[in-house]
Amino acid sequence: MGTVTGPGRPSGTTSGPAGRAGSAPRRVARRGADALLTVAALVGVLGFGLFVLVRLGVVQPLVVTSGSMRPTYEIGTLVVSRAVDATELAPGDIATLRSADDRLITHRVVSASTPTAEGVVTVVMRGDANDDEDPIPYVVTRALVPITSIPRVGPVVAVVQRPSVALPGLVAVVALVAIAFVPVGRDSDDDAQEAAGDAEPGRVSPGRGATGPRHARR
């Protein structure tokens, strides 16, 4: 008389809801880390772009170091400026001019003289927080005028512009971009595993112990 085999214990392991629940937090955490890397890479790219524009002379970042332009500019504000001919200045404009003692002063234009044939303009300025005009007029042919300003980031930008910081920073930016934008295939592997975990309960790989009709072994 033969023995009859019945449904056996599955030889394989099937991922179920518990397995998927365990993998979900890991995937969320990893995607959050990827998002942070992407943001850091974009910030790095923008910072490097500003560095290049500065080196090319397209823009000039300036850091406010005194309170003479409060409340317009607080100490530590980054002012990104562009160069223009002094003939373009008009009363009420904010401008950065080089003083007689070779300092860059950012104040508001009070008056600007008629330019000479050589384009030289005599400019009188005053800080928004000052009661008096600057004691010595500025005799200039070029000026810096603000494009935009960002509060409190000036000291950071001043450090980043140093070559000893900028070059290692460029290497870090390249690494961040590579990590953030080069696919590594982890998500596709997880998707495959999750898809496998969605298999119908009770279905296992064919083999010994698979469910099926009972049969007699002779």
N, C-alpha and C. Protein backbone atom coordinates (compact mmCIF):
# COMPACT_ATOMS: atom_id res chain seq x y z
N MET A 1 0.86 -1.19 0.00
CA MET A 1 0.00 0.00 0.00
C MET A 1 0.89 1.23 0.00
N GLY A 2 0.57 2.15 -0.86
CA GLY A 2 1.40 3.35 -0.96
C GLY A 2 1.05 4.37 0.09
N THR A 3 1.97 5.28 0.29
CA THR A 3 1.74 6.39 1.22
C THR A 3 1.22 7.58 0.45
N VAL A 4 0.43 8.36 1.10
CA VAL A 4 -0.18 9.53 0.48
C VAL A 4 0.46 10.78 1.04
N THR A 5 0.95 11.62 0.18
CA THR A 5 1.52 12.90 0.63
C THR A 5 0.48 13.99 0.50
N GLY A 6 0.42 14.85 1.45
CA GLY A 6 -0.52 15.97 1.42
C GLY A 6 0.21 17.27 1.26
N PRO A 7 -0.46 18.35 1.43
CA PRO A 7 0.17 19.67 1.32
C PRO A 7 1.31 19.80 2.32
N GLY A 8 2.47 20.17 1.86
CA GLY A 8 3.64 20.31 2.74
C GLY A 8 3.88 21.74 3.14
N ARG A 9 4.92 21.88 3.92
CA ARG A 9 5.30 23.23 4.32
C ARG A 9 6.06 23.88 3.20
N PRO A 10 5.77 25.09 2.87
CA PRO A 10 6.46 25.76 1.77
C PRO A 10 7.95 25.79 2.02
N SER A 11 8.69 25.47 0.97
CA SER A 11 10.14 25.49 1.10
C SER A 11 10.72 26.88 0.94
N GLY A 12 10.00 27.82 0.33
CA GLY A 12 10.51 29.17 0.12
C GLY A 12 9.96 30.13 1.15
N THR A 13 10.48 31.34 1.11
CA THR A 13 10.00 32.40 2.00
C THR A 13 9.31 33.46 1.17
N THR A 14 8.09 33.76 1.51
CA THR A 14 7.32 34.74 0.76
C THR A 14 7.20 36.02 1.55
N SER A 15 7.52 37.15 0.92
CA SER A 15 7.40 38.43 1.60
C SER A 15 5.93 38.78 1.71
N GLY A 16 5.52 39.16 2.87
CA GLY A 16 4.14 39.55 3.10
C GLY A 16 4.04 40.97 3.54
N PRO A 17 2.87 41.36 4.06
CA PRO A 17 2.70 42.74 4.51
C PRO A 17 3.71 43.16 5.57
N ALA A 18 4.11 42.23 6.45
CA ALA A 18 5.07 42.60 7.51
C ALA A 18 6.41 42.97 6.91
N GLY A 19 6.85 42.21 5.88
CA GLY A 19 8.13 42.54 5.24
C GLY A 19 8.09 43.87 4.55
N ARG A 20 6.96 44.14 3.86
CA ARG A 20 6.86 45.44 3.17
C ARG A 20 6.82 46.58 4.16
N ALA A 21 6.14 46.35 5.32
CA ALA A 21 6.08 47.41 6.34
C ALA A 21 7.46 47.73 6.88
N GLY A 22 8.33 46.69 6.98
CA GLY A 22 9.67 46.93 7.48
C GLY A 22 10.54 47.67 6.50
N SER A 23 10.33 47.43 5.20
CA SER A 23 11.18 48.08 4.20
C SER A 23 10.76 49.52 3.91
N ALA A 24 9.48 49.85 4.18
CA ALA A 24 8.98 51.20 3.86
C ALA A 24 9.74 52.30 4.58
N PRO A 25 9.97 52.21 5.91
CA PRO A 25 10.73 53.29 6.57
C PRO A 25 12.13 53.46 6.02
N ARG A 26 12.78 52.32 5.65
CA ARG A 26 14.12 52.44 5.09
C ARG A 26 14.10 53.17 3.76
N ARG A 27 13.11 52.90 2.94
CA ARG A 27 13.02 53.56 1.64
C ARG A 27 12.73 55.05 1.81
N VAL A 28 11.84 55.38 2.78
CA VAL A 28 11.52 56.79 3.03
C VAL A 28 12.76 57.53 3.51
N ALA A 29 13.51 56.88 4.44
CA ALA A 29 14.72 57.53 4.97
C ALA A 29 15.75 57.74 3.87
N ARG A 30 15.91 56.71 3.00
CA ARG A 30 16.91 56.85 1.95
C ARG A 30 16.51 57.92 0.94
N ARG A 31 15.22 57.96 0.61
CA ARG A 31 14.79 58.99 -0.34
C ARG A 31 14.90 60.38 0.26
N GLY A 32 14.68 60.48 1.59
CA GLY A 32 14.90 61.78 2.23
C GLY A 32 16.35 62.20 2.17
N ALA A 33 17.26 61.23 2.39
CA ALA A 33 18.69 61.54 2.29
C ALA A 33 19.07 61.92 0.87
N ASP A 34 18.47 61.24 -0.11
CA ASP A 34 18.75 61.59 -1.51
C ASP A 34 18.27 63.00 -1.82
N ALA A 35 17.11 63.37 -1.25
CA ALA A 35 16.59 64.72 -1.48
C ALA A 35 17.52 65.77 -0.89
N LEU A 36 18.05 65.50 0.32
CA LEU A 36 18.98 66.43 0.94
C LEU A 36 20.26 66.56 0.11
N LEU A 37 20.75 65.44 -0.41
CA LEU A 37 21.93 65.49 -1.26
C LEU A 37 21.67 66.31 -2.51
N THR A 38 20.47 66.16 -3.07
CA THR A 38 20.13 66.93 -4.27
C THR A 38 20.11 68.42 -3.98
N VAL A 39 19.50 68.80 -2.84
CA VAL A 39 19.45 70.22 -2.47
C VAL A 39 20.87 70.75 -2.24
N ALA A 40 21.70 69.97 -1.53
CA ALA A 40 23.07 70.40 -1.28
C ALA A 40 23.84 70.55 -2.58
N ALA A 41 23.60 69.63 -3.52
CA ALA A 41 24.29 69.72 -4.81
C ALA A 41 23.86 70.97 -5.57
N LEU A 42 22.57 71.27 -5.57
CA LEU A 42 22.08 72.45 -6.27
C LEU A 42 22.63 73.73 -5.65
N VAL A 43 22.66 73.78 -4.31
CA VAL A 43 23.23 74.95 -3.64
C VAL A 43 24.71 75.10 -4.00
N GLY A 44 25.42 73.96 -4.03
CA GLY A 44 26.83 74.00 -4.40
C GLY A 44 27.04 74.49 -5.82
N VAL A 45 26.18 74.03 -6.74
CA VAL A 45 26.30 74.46 -8.13
C VAL A 45 26.05 75.96 -8.25
N LEU A 46 25.02 76.45 -7.54
CA LEU A 46 24.74 77.89 -7.58
C LEU A 46 25.90 78.69 -6.99
N GLY A 47 26.45 78.19 -5.87
CA GLY A 47 27.59 78.87 -5.27
C GLY A 47 28.80 78.90 -6.19
N PHE A 48 29.04 77.78 -6.86
CA PHE A 48 30.17 77.74 -7.80
C PHE A 48 29.90 78.66 -8.99
N GLY A 49 28.65 78.73 -9.44
CA GLY A 49 28.31 79.65 -10.53
C GLY A 49 28.58 81.09 -10.15
N LEU A 50 28.22 81.45 -8.89
CA LEU A 50 28.51 82.81 -8.42
C LEU A 50 30.01 83.06 -8.38
N PHE A 51 30.76 82.05 -7.94
CA PHE A 51 32.22 82.17 -7.88
C PHE A 51 32.79 82.46 -9.28
N VAL A 52 32.30 81.74 -10.29
CA VAL A 52 32.78 81.94 -11.66
C VAL A 52 32.41 83.34 -12.16
N LEU A 53 31.17 83.78 -11.89
CA LEU A 53 30.75 85.11 -12.33
C LEU A 53 31.59 86.20 -11.69
N VAL A 54 31.96 85.98 -10.43
CA VAL A 54 32.82 86.96 -9.75
C VAL A 54 34.19 87.01 -10.41
N ARG A 55 34.76 85.83 -10.71
CA ARG A 55 36.08 85.78 -11.33
C ARG A 55 36.07 86.39 -12.72
N LEU A 56 34.95 86.30 -13.40
CA LEU A 56 34.84 86.88 -14.74
C LEU A 56 34.52 88.38 -14.69
N GLY A 57 34.23 88.90 -13.51
CA GLY A 57 33.93 90.32 -13.36
C GLY A 57 32.51 90.70 -13.73
N VAL A 58 31.63 89.70 -13.87
CA VAL A 58 30.23 90.00 -14.23
C VAL A 58 29.49 90.59 -13.04
N VAL A 59 29.70 90.02 -11.86
CA VAL A 59 29.06 90.52 -10.64
C VAL A 59 30.13 90.68 -9.56
N GLN A 60 29.77 91.40 -8.53
CA GLN A 60 30.69 91.63 -7.41
C GLN A 60 29.91 91.45 -6.11
N PRO A 61 30.24 90.44 -5.31
CA PRO A 61 29.58 90.29 -4.01
C PRO A 61 30.23 91.22 -2.98
N LEU A 62 29.42 91.90 -2.21
CA LEU A 62 29.91 92.81 -1.18
C LEU A 62 29.23 92.45 0.14
N VAL A 63 29.99 92.54 1.21
CA VAL A 63 29.47 92.23 2.54
C VAL A 63 29.36 93.51 3.34
N VAL A 64 28.18 93.78 3.86
CA VAL A 64 27.96 95.00 4.65
C VAL A 64 28.61 94.82 6.02
N THR A 65 29.50 95.73 6.37
CA THR A 65 30.26 95.61 7.62
C THR A 65 29.93 96.70 8.64
N SER A 66 29.01 97.60 8.31
CA SER A 66 28.62 98.64 9.27
C SER A 66 27.11 98.84 9.18
N GLY A 67 26.60 99.60 10.15
CA GLY A 67 25.15 99.83 10.19
C GLY A 67 24.72 101.13 9.54
N SER A 68 25.57 101.73 8.71
CA SER A 68 25.24 103.04 8.13
C SER A 68 24.10 102.99 7.13
N MET A 69 23.75 101.79 6.63
CA MET A 69 22.64 101.69 5.67
C MET A 69 21.41 101.02 6.26
N ARG A 70 21.34 100.93 7.59
CA ARG A 70 20.12 100.43 8.21
C ARG A 70 18.97 101.39 7.96
N PRO A 71 17.75 100.90 7.79
CA PRO A 71 17.33 99.50 7.83
C PRO A 71 17.41 98.79 6.47
N THR A 72 17.91 99.47 5.45
CA THR A 72 17.98 98.84 4.13
C THR A 72 18.87 97.61 4.15
N TYR A 73 20.07 97.77 4.70
CA TYR A 73 21.02 96.66 4.80
C TYR A 73 21.50 96.54 6.24
N GLU A 74 21.35 95.35 6.81
CA GLU A 74 21.90 95.09 8.13
C GLU A 74 23.33 94.58 8.00
N ILE A 75 24.08 94.63 9.09
CA ILE A 75 25.44 94.10 9.09
C ILE A 75 25.40 92.62 8.74
N GLY A 76 26.31 92.19 7.86
CA GLY A 76 26.36 90.79 7.44
C GLY A 76 25.55 90.48 6.20
N THR A 77 24.86 91.49 5.66
CA THR A 77 24.08 91.27 4.44
C THR A 77 25.02 91.13 3.24
N LEU A 78 24.69 90.17 2.39
CA LEU A 78 25.42 90.02 1.13
C LEU A 78 24.71 90.84 0.07
N VAL A 79 25.45 91.75 -0.57
CA VAL A 79 24.91 92.57 -1.66
C VAL A 79 25.61 92.16 -2.95
N VAL A 80 24.86 91.59 -3.87
CA VAL A 80 25.41 91.20 -5.17
C VAL A 80 25.20 92.37 -6.14
N SER A 81 26.29 92.90 -6.67
CA SER A 81 26.23 94.12 -7.47
C SER A 81 26.81 93.89 -8.86
N ARG A 82 26.50 94.82 -9.75
CA ARG A 82 27.08 94.82 -11.10
C ARG A 82 27.69 96.19 -11.38
N ALA A 83 28.66 96.21 -12.27
CA ALA A 83 29.35 97.45 -12.58
C ALA A 83 28.61 98.22 -13.66
N VAL A 84 28.54 99.55 -13.49
CA VAL A 84 27.91 100.43 -14.48
C VAL A 84 28.77 101.69 -14.61
N ASP A 85 28.52 102.45 -15.65
CA ASP A 85 29.16 103.76 -15.78
C ASP A 85 28.58 104.71 -14.75
N ALA A 86 29.42 105.54 -14.18
CA ALA A 86 28.95 106.50 -13.17
C ALA A 86 27.93 107.47 -13.75
N THR A 87 27.92 107.64 -15.06
CA THR A 87 26.94 108.54 -15.68
C THR A 87 25.51 108.04 -15.52
N GLU A 88 25.33 106.77 -15.16
CA GLU A 88 23.98 106.22 -14.99
C GLU A 88 23.41 106.50 -13.61
N LEU A 89 24.22 107.00 -12.69
CA LEU A 89 23.74 107.21 -11.33
C LEU A 89 22.81 108.41 -11.26
N ALA A 90 21.80 108.28 -10.37
CA ALA A 90 20.84 109.36 -10.16
C ALA A 90 20.53 109.45 -8.67
N PRO A 91 20.09 110.62 -8.18
CA PRO A 91 19.75 110.74 -6.77
C PRO A 91 18.73 109.68 -6.34
N GLY A 92 18.98 109.10 -5.19
CA GLY A 92 18.10 108.04 -4.68
C GLY A 92 18.64 106.64 -4.94
N ASP A 93 19.57 106.49 -5.88
CA ASP A 93 20.16 105.18 -6.15
C ASP A 93 21.09 104.76 -5.01
N ILE A 94 21.14 103.47 -4.77
CA ILE A 94 22.16 102.91 -3.89
C ILE A 94 23.34 102.51 -4.76
N ALA A 95 24.53 102.92 -4.35
CA ALA A 95 25.72 102.63 -5.15
C ALA A 95 26.89 102.34 -4.24
N THR A 96 27.83 101.59 -4.77
CA THR A 96 29.09 101.33 -4.08
C THR A 96 30.19 102.03 -4.86
N LEU A 97 30.86 103.00 -4.21
CA LEU A 97 31.90 103.78 -4.86
C LEU A 97 33.20 103.67 -4.08
N ARG A 98 34.28 103.86 -4.79
CA ARG A 98 35.59 103.82 -4.15
C ARG A 98 35.93 105.21 -3.61
N SER A 99 36.26 105.25 -2.33
CA SER A 99 36.53 106.52 -1.68
C SER A 99 37.96 106.98 -1.95
N ALA A 100 38.28 108.19 -1.49
CA ALA A 100 39.62 108.74 -1.70
C ALA A 100 40.69 107.92 -0.98
N ASP A 101 40.31 107.24 0.11
CA ASP A 101 41.27 106.40 0.83
C ASP A 101 41.18 104.94 0.41
N ASP A 102 40.63 104.71 -0.79
CA ASP A 102 40.62 103.39 -1.44
C ASP A 102 39.75 102.36 -0.69
N ARG A 103 38.64 102.81 -0.15
CA ARG A 103 37.66 101.91 0.46
C ARG A 103 36.39 101.89 -0.39
N LEU A 104 35.70 100.75 -0.39
CA LEU A 104 34.41 100.66 -1.07
C LEU A 104 33.31 101.04 -0.09
N ILE A 105 32.55 102.06 -0.46
CA ILE A 105 31.50 102.58 0.41
C ILE A 105 30.15 102.39 -0.30
N THR A 106 29.22 101.75 0.40
CA THR A 106 27.87 101.55 -0.14
C THR A 106 26.91 102.48 0.59
N HIS A 107 26.49 103.53 -0.09
CA HIS A 107 25.55 104.50 0.45
C HIS A 107 24.56 104.89 -0.63
N ARG A 108 23.67 105.81 -0.28
CA ARG A 108 22.66 106.27 -1.24
C ARG A 108 23.11 107.59 -1.87
N VAL A 109 22.90 107.70 -3.17
CA VAL A 109 23.31 108.89 -3.91
C VAL A 109 22.39 110.07 -3.54
N VAL A 110 23.03 111.17 -3.15
CA VAL A 110 22.31 112.41 -2.89
C VAL A 110 22.28 113.29 -4.13
N SER A 111 23.42 113.37 -4.80
CA SER A 111 23.50 114.16 -6.02
C SER A 111 24.64 113.63 -6.88
N ALA A 112 24.53 113.87 -8.18
CA ALA A 112 25.57 113.48 -9.14
C ALA A 112 25.75 114.61 -10.13
N SER A 113 26.99 115.02 -10.34
CA SER A 113 27.28 116.15 -11.21
C SER A 113 27.12 115.75 -12.68
N THR A 114 27.11 116.75 -13.52
CA THR A 114 27.14 116.49 -14.96
C THR A 114 28.48 115.87 -15.32
N PRO A 115 28.48 114.79 -16.07
CA PRO A 115 29.76 114.13 -16.38
C PRO A 115 30.63 114.98 -17.28
N THR A 116 31.93 114.82 -17.11
CA THR A 116 32.88 115.50 -17.98
C THR A 116 32.95 114.73 -19.31
N ALA A 117 33.76 115.26 -20.23
CA ALA A 117 33.92 114.60 -21.52
C ALA A 117 34.52 113.21 -21.36
N GLU A 118 35.27 113.01 -20.29
CA GLU A 118 35.88 111.70 -20.03
C GLU A 118 34.96 110.78 -19.23
N GLY A 119 33.75 111.24 -18.93
CA GLY A 119 32.80 110.43 -18.16
C GLY A 119 33.01 110.46 -16.67
N VAL A 120 33.76 111.42 -16.18
CA VAL A 120 34.01 111.53 -14.74
C VAL A 120 32.83 112.24 -14.08
N VAL A 121 32.35 111.67 -12.97
CA VAL A 121 31.20 112.22 -12.25
C VAL A 121 31.59 112.43 -10.79
N THR A 122 31.17 113.55 -10.24
CA THR A 122 31.36 113.80 -8.81
C THR A 122 30.05 113.48 -8.10
N VAL A 123 30.10 112.54 -7.17
CA VAL A 123 28.90 112.01 -6.52
C VAL A 123 28.96 112.31 -5.03
N VAL A 124 27.84 112.79 -4.50
CA VAL A 124 27.68 112.99 -3.06
C VAL A 124 26.74 111.89 -2.55
N MET A 125 27.14 111.22 -1.47
CA MET A 125 26.32 110.14 -0.92
C MET A 125 26.12 110.30 0.58
N ARG A 126 25.14 109.56 1.08
CA ARG A 126 24.86 109.55 2.52
C ARG A 126 24.26 108.20 2.88
N GLY A 127 24.66 107.66 4.02
CA GLY A 127 24.07 106.42 4.51
C GLY A 127 22.66 106.65 5.02
N ASP A 128 21.79 105.66 4.83
CA ASP A 128 20.39 105.82 5.25
C ASP A 128 20.28 106.07 6.75
N ALA A 129 21.21 105.55 7.54
CA ALA A 129 21.16 105.74 8.99
C ALA A 129 21.95 106.96 9.45
N ASN A 130 22.57 107.67 8.52
CA ASN A 130 23.40 108.83 8.89
C ASN A 130 22.63 110.13 8.74
N ASP A 131 22.94 111.08 9.60
CA ASP A 131 22.31 112.40 9.50
C ASP A 131 23.03 113.29 8.49
N ASP A 132 24.31 113.07 8.30
CA ASP A 132 25.10 113.95 7.45
C ASP A 132 25.57 113.21 6.20
N GLU A 133 25.84 114.00 5.19
CA GLU A 133 26.40 113.43 3.97
C GLU A 133 27.85 113.01 4.20
N ASP A 134 28.33 112.11 3.38
CA ASP A 134 29.73 111.71 3.49
C ASP A 134 30.61 112.95 3.29
N PRO A 135 31.68 113.08 4.09
CA PRO A 135 32.44 114.33 4.10
C PRO A 135 33.16 114.66 2.79
N ILE A 136 33.56 113.65 2.05
CA ILE A 136 34.32 113.90 0.81
C ILE A 136 33.54 113.33 -0.37
N PRO A 137 33.24 114.12 -1.38
CA PRO A 137 32.55 113.61 -2.57
C PRO A 137 33.40 112.56 -3.28
N TYR A 138 32.74 111.73 -4.05
CA TYR A 138 33.40 110.66 -4.80
C TYR A 138 33.55 111.08 -6.26
N VAL A 139 34.75 111.03 -6.74
CA VAL A 139 35.02 111.37 -8.14
C VAL A 139 35.33 110.07 -8.87
N VAL A 140 34.38 109.62 -9.69
CA VAL A 140 34.46 108.27 -10.25
C VAL A 140 34.01 108.25 -11.70
N THR A 141 34.40 107.18 -12.37
CA THR A 141 33.89 106.91 -13.72
C THR A 141 33.04 105.63 -13.74
N ARG A 142 33.22 104.77 -12.73
CA ARG A 142 32.47 103.53 -12.65
C ARG A 142 31.87 103.39 -11.25
N ALA A 143 30.81 102.60 -11.18
CA ALA A 143 30.14 102.38 -9.90
C ALA A 143 29.58 100.97 -9.88
N LEU A 144 29.34 100.48 -8.68
CA LEU A 144 28.65 99.20 -8.50
C LEU A 144 27.25 99.48 -7.98
N VAL A 145 26.25 98.88 -8.62
CA VAL A 145 24.86 99.04 -8.18
C VAL A 145 24.31 97.66 -7.83
N PRO A 146 23.46 97.59 -6.80
CA PRO A 146 23.00 96.27 -6.32
C PRO A 146 22.02 95.60 -7.28
N ILE A 147 22.19 94.28 -7.41
CA ILE A 147 21.22 93.46 -8.14
C ILE A 147 20.25 92.83 -7.16
N THR A 148 20.80 92.28 -6.09
CA THR A 148 19.99 91.67 -5.04
C THR A 148 20.78 91.65 -3.75
N SER A 149 20.11 91.36 -2.67
CA SER A 149 20.78 91.26 -1.37
C SER A 149 20.19 90.10 -0.58
N ILE A 150 21.04 89.47 0.24
CA ILE A 150 20.63 88.34 1.06
C ILE A 150 21.12 88.58 2.48
N PRO A 151 20.22 88.72 3.44
CA PRO A 151 20.65 89.00 4.82
C PRO A 151 21.45 87.86 5.43
N ARG A 152 22.43 88.20 6.24
CA ARG A 152 23.16 87.32 7.15
C ARG A 152 24.07 86.28 6.49
N VAL A 153 24.16 86.24 5.20
CA VAL A 153 25.01 85.22 4.57
C VAL A 153 26.35 85.79 4.10
N GLY A 154 26.56 87.07 4.29
CA GLY A 154 27.79 87.70 3.82
C GLY A 154 29.06 87.06 4.33
N PRO A 155 29.19 86.82 5.65
CA PRO A 155 30.44 86.21 6.15
C PRO A 155 30.72 84.84 5.54
N VAL A 156 29.66 84.06 5.31
CA VAL A 156 29.86 82.73 4.71
C VAL A 156 30.41 82.86 3.30
N VAL A 157 29.83 83.76 2.51
CA VAL A 157 30.28 83.95 1.13
C VAL A 157 31.71 84.46 1.12
N ALA A 158 32.05 85.34 2.05
CA ALA A 158 33.41 85.87 2.10
C ALA A 158 34.42 84.75 2.33
N VAL A 159 34.07 83.77 3.15
CA VAL A 159 34.97 82.63 3.39
C VAL A 159 35.04 81.74 2.17
N VAL A 160 33.89 81.47 1.54
CA VAL A 160 33.84 80.56 0.40
C VAL A 160 34.65 81.10 -0.78
N GLN A 161 34.76 82.42 -0.91
CA GLN A 161 35.47 83.00 -2.03
C GLN A 161 36.99 82.80 -1.94
N ARG A 162 37.50 82.45 -0.78
CA ARG A 162 38.94 82.25 -0.66
C ARG A 162 39.36 81.03 -1.49
N PRO A 163 40.45 81.13 -2.26
CA PRO A 163 40.90 79.99 -3.07
C PRO A 163 41.14 78.73 -2.25
N SER A 164 41.63 78.89 -1.02
CA SER A 164 41.90 77.71 -0.19
C SER A 164 40.63 76.98 0.19
N VAL A 165 39.49 77.66 0.11
CA VAL A 165 38.19 77.04 0.40
C VAL A 165 37.46 76.70 -0.89
N ALA A 166 37.58 77.56 -1.90
CA ALA A 166 36.82 77.37 -3.14
C ALA A 166 37.20 76.10 -3.88
N LEU A 167 38.50 75.78 -3.97
CA LEU A 167 38.93 74.61 -4.73
C LEU A 167 38.47 73.30 -4.07
N PRO A 168 38.69 73.11 -2.77
CA PRO A 168 38.11 71.90 -2.15
C PRO A 168 36.59 71.90 -2.24
N GLY A 169 35.98 73.08 -2.16
CA GLY A 169 34.52 73.15 -2.30
C GLY A 169 34.05 72.68 -3.66
N LEU A 170 34.83 73.00 -4.71
CA LEU A 170 34.48 72.54 -6.06
C LEU A 170 34.50 71.02 -6.13
N VAL A 171 35.52 70.41 -5.52
CA VAL A 171 35.59 68.95 -5.49
C VAL A 171 34.38 68.37 -4.77
N ALA A 172 33.99 69.00 -3.65
CA ALA A 172 32.82 68.52 -2.91
C ALA A 172 31.55 68.66 -3.72
N VAL A 173 31.42 69.76 -4.47
CA VAL A 173 30.24 69.97 -5.31
C VAL A 173 30.14 68.88 -6.37
N VAL A 174 31.27 68.58 -7.02
CA VAL A 174 31.27 67.53 -8.05
C VAL A 174 30.86 66.20 -7.44
N ALA A 175 31.36 65.90 -6.24
CA ALA A 175 31.01 64.64 -5.58
C ALA A 175 29.53 64.61 -5.24
N LEU A 176 28.99 65.72 -4.74
CA LEU A 176 27.57 65.77 -4.41
C LEU A 176 26.70 65.59 -5.64
N VAL A 177 27.08 66.24 -6.73
CA VAL A 177 26.32 66.10 -7.97
C VAL A 177 26.33 64.65 -8.44
N ALA A 178 27.50 64.01 -8.35
CA ALA A 178 27.60 62.62 -8.78
C ALA A 178 26.71 61.72 -7.92
N ILE A 179 26.74 61.94 -6.60
CA ILE A 179 25.94 61.12 -5.70
C ILE A 179 24.45 61.37 -5.91
N ALA A 180 24.09 62.65 -6.13
CA ALA A 180 22.68 63.01 -6.19
C ALA A 180 22.03 62.62 -7.51
N PHE A 181 22.78 62.67 -8.61
CA PHE A 181 22.16 62.52 -9.92
C PHE A 181 22.55 61.26 -10.67
N VAL A 182 23.56 60.52 -10.22
CA VAL A 182 23.93 59.29 -10.91
C VAL A 182 23.13 58.15 -10.31
N PRO A 183 22.31 57.44 -11.10
CA PRO A 183 21.49 56.36 -10.56
C PRO A 183 22.37 55.20 -10.11
N VAL A 184 21.99 54.60 -8.99
CA VAL A 184 22.76 53.48 -8.46
C VAL A 184 21.98 52.18 -8.46
N GLY A 185 20.71 52.20 -8.89
CA GLY A 185 19.93 50.99 -9.04
C GLY A 185 19.31 50.45 -7.77
N ARG A 186 19.43 51.18 -6.65
CA ARG A 186 18.87 50.66 -5.40
C ARG A 186 17.36 50.66 -5.43
N ASP A 187 16.76 51.72 -5.99
CA ASP A 187 15.31 51.79 -6.02
C ASP A 187 14.72 50.69 -6.88
N SER A 188 15.38 50.38 -8.02
CA SER A 188 14.85 49.33 -8.88
C SER A 188 14.89 47.99 -8.18
N ASP A 189 15.96 47.72 -7.39
CA ASP A 189 16.04 46.47 -6.64
C ASP A 189 14.94 46.39 -5.60
N ASP A 190 14.71 47.52 -4.90
CA ASP A 190 13.65 47.52 -3.89
C ASP A 190 12.29 47.34 -4.53
N ASP A 191 12.08 47.98 -5.70
CA ASP A 191 10.80 47.83 -6.38
C ASP A 191 10.58 46.38 -6.77
N ALA A 192 11.63 45.70 -7.22
CA ALA A 192 11.50 44.30 -7.59
C ALA A 192 11.16 43.45 -6.38
N GLN A 193 11.82 43.77 -5.25
CA GLN A 193 11.53 43.01 -4.04
C GLN A 193 10.11 43.25 -3.57
N GLU A 194 9.65 44.50 -3.66
CA GLU A 194 8.29 44.80 -3.23
C GLU A 194 7.28 44.13 -4.14
N ALA A 195 7.57 44.10 -5.44
CA ALA A 195 6.68 43.43 -6.37
C ALA A 195 6.60 41.95 -6.06
N ALA A 196 7.76 41.35 -5.70
CA ALA A 196 7.76 39.95 -5.33
C ALA A 196 6.96 39.73 -4.06
N GLY A 197 7.02 40.71 -3.15
CA GLY A 197 6.27 40.58 -1.91
C GLY A 197 4.78 40.70 -2.12
N ASP A 198 4.35 41.23 -3.25
CA ASP A 198 2.93 41.37 -3.53
C ASP A 198 2.34 40.11 -4.13
N ALA A 199 3.11 39.02 -4.23
CA ALA A 199 2.62 37.78 -4.80
C ALA A 199 1.45 37.27 -3.99
N GLU A 200 0.57 36.53 -4.61
CA GLU A 200 -0.62 36.01 -3.95
C GLU A 200 -0.23 35.09 -2.82
N PRO A 201 -0.79 35.22 -1.62
CA PRO A 201 -0.45 34.35 -0.50
C PRO A 201 -0.72 32.89 -0.85
N GLY A 202 0.17 32.03 -0.42
CA GLY A 202 0.00 30.62 -0.69
C GLY A 202 0.72 30.17 -1.92
N ARG A 203 1.13 31.09 -2.83
CA ARG A 203 1.88 30.73 -4.01
C ARG A 203 3.35 30.66 -3.66
N VAL A 204 3.97 29.53 -3.93
CA VAL A 204 5.38 29.36 -3.68
C VAL A 204 6.03 28.81 -4.92
N SER A 205 7.36 28.79 -4.94
CA SER A 205 8.05 28.27 -6.10
C SER A 205 7.85 26.77 -6.20
N PRO A 206 7.78 26.24 -7.44
CA PRO A 206 7.58 24.80 -7.62
C PRO A 206 8.71 24.03 -6.96
N GLY A 207 8.40 22.87 -6.45
CA GLY A 207 9.43 22.03 -5.84
C GLY A 207 8.82 21.12 -4.81
N ARG A 208 9.65 20.50 -4.04
CA ARG A 208 9.17 19.56 -3.02
C ARG A 208 8.35 20.32 -2.00
N GLY A 209 7.19 19.80 -1.67
CA GLY A 209 6.33 20.41 -0.69
C GLY A 209 5.38 21.42 -1.28
N ALA A 210 5.36 21.58 -2.60
CA ALA A 210 4.43 22.53 -3.20
C ALA A 210 3.02 22.02 -3.07
N THR A 211 2.09 22.94 -2.95
CA THR A 211 0.70 22.53 -2.84
C THR A 211 0.21 22.00 -4.17
N GLY A 212 -0.68 21.09 -4.12
CA GLY A 212 -1.24 20.53 -5.35
C GLY A 212 -2.11 19.33 -5.02
N PRO A 213 -2.62 18.67 -6.03
CA PRO A 213 -3.50 17.52 -5.77
C PRO A 213 -2.75 16.43 -5.04
N ARG A 214 -3.40 15.77 -4.14
CA ARG A 214 -2.79 14.64 -3.44
C ARG A 214 -2.58 13.51 -4.44
N HIS A 215 -1.52 12.81 -4.23
CA HIS A 215 -1.25 11.69 -5.13
C HIS A 215 -0.64 10.53 -4.33
N ALA A 216 -0.74 9.40 -4.86
CA ALA A 216 -0.23 8.21 -4.20
C ALA A 216 1.15 7.89 -4.71
N ARG A 217 2.09 7.58 -3.81
CA ARG A 217 3.42 7.18 -4.20
C ARG A 217 3.55 5.67 -4.02
N ARG A 218 3.87 5.03 -5.06
CA ARG A 218 3.95 3.57 -5.05
C ARG A 218 5.34 3.11 -4.66
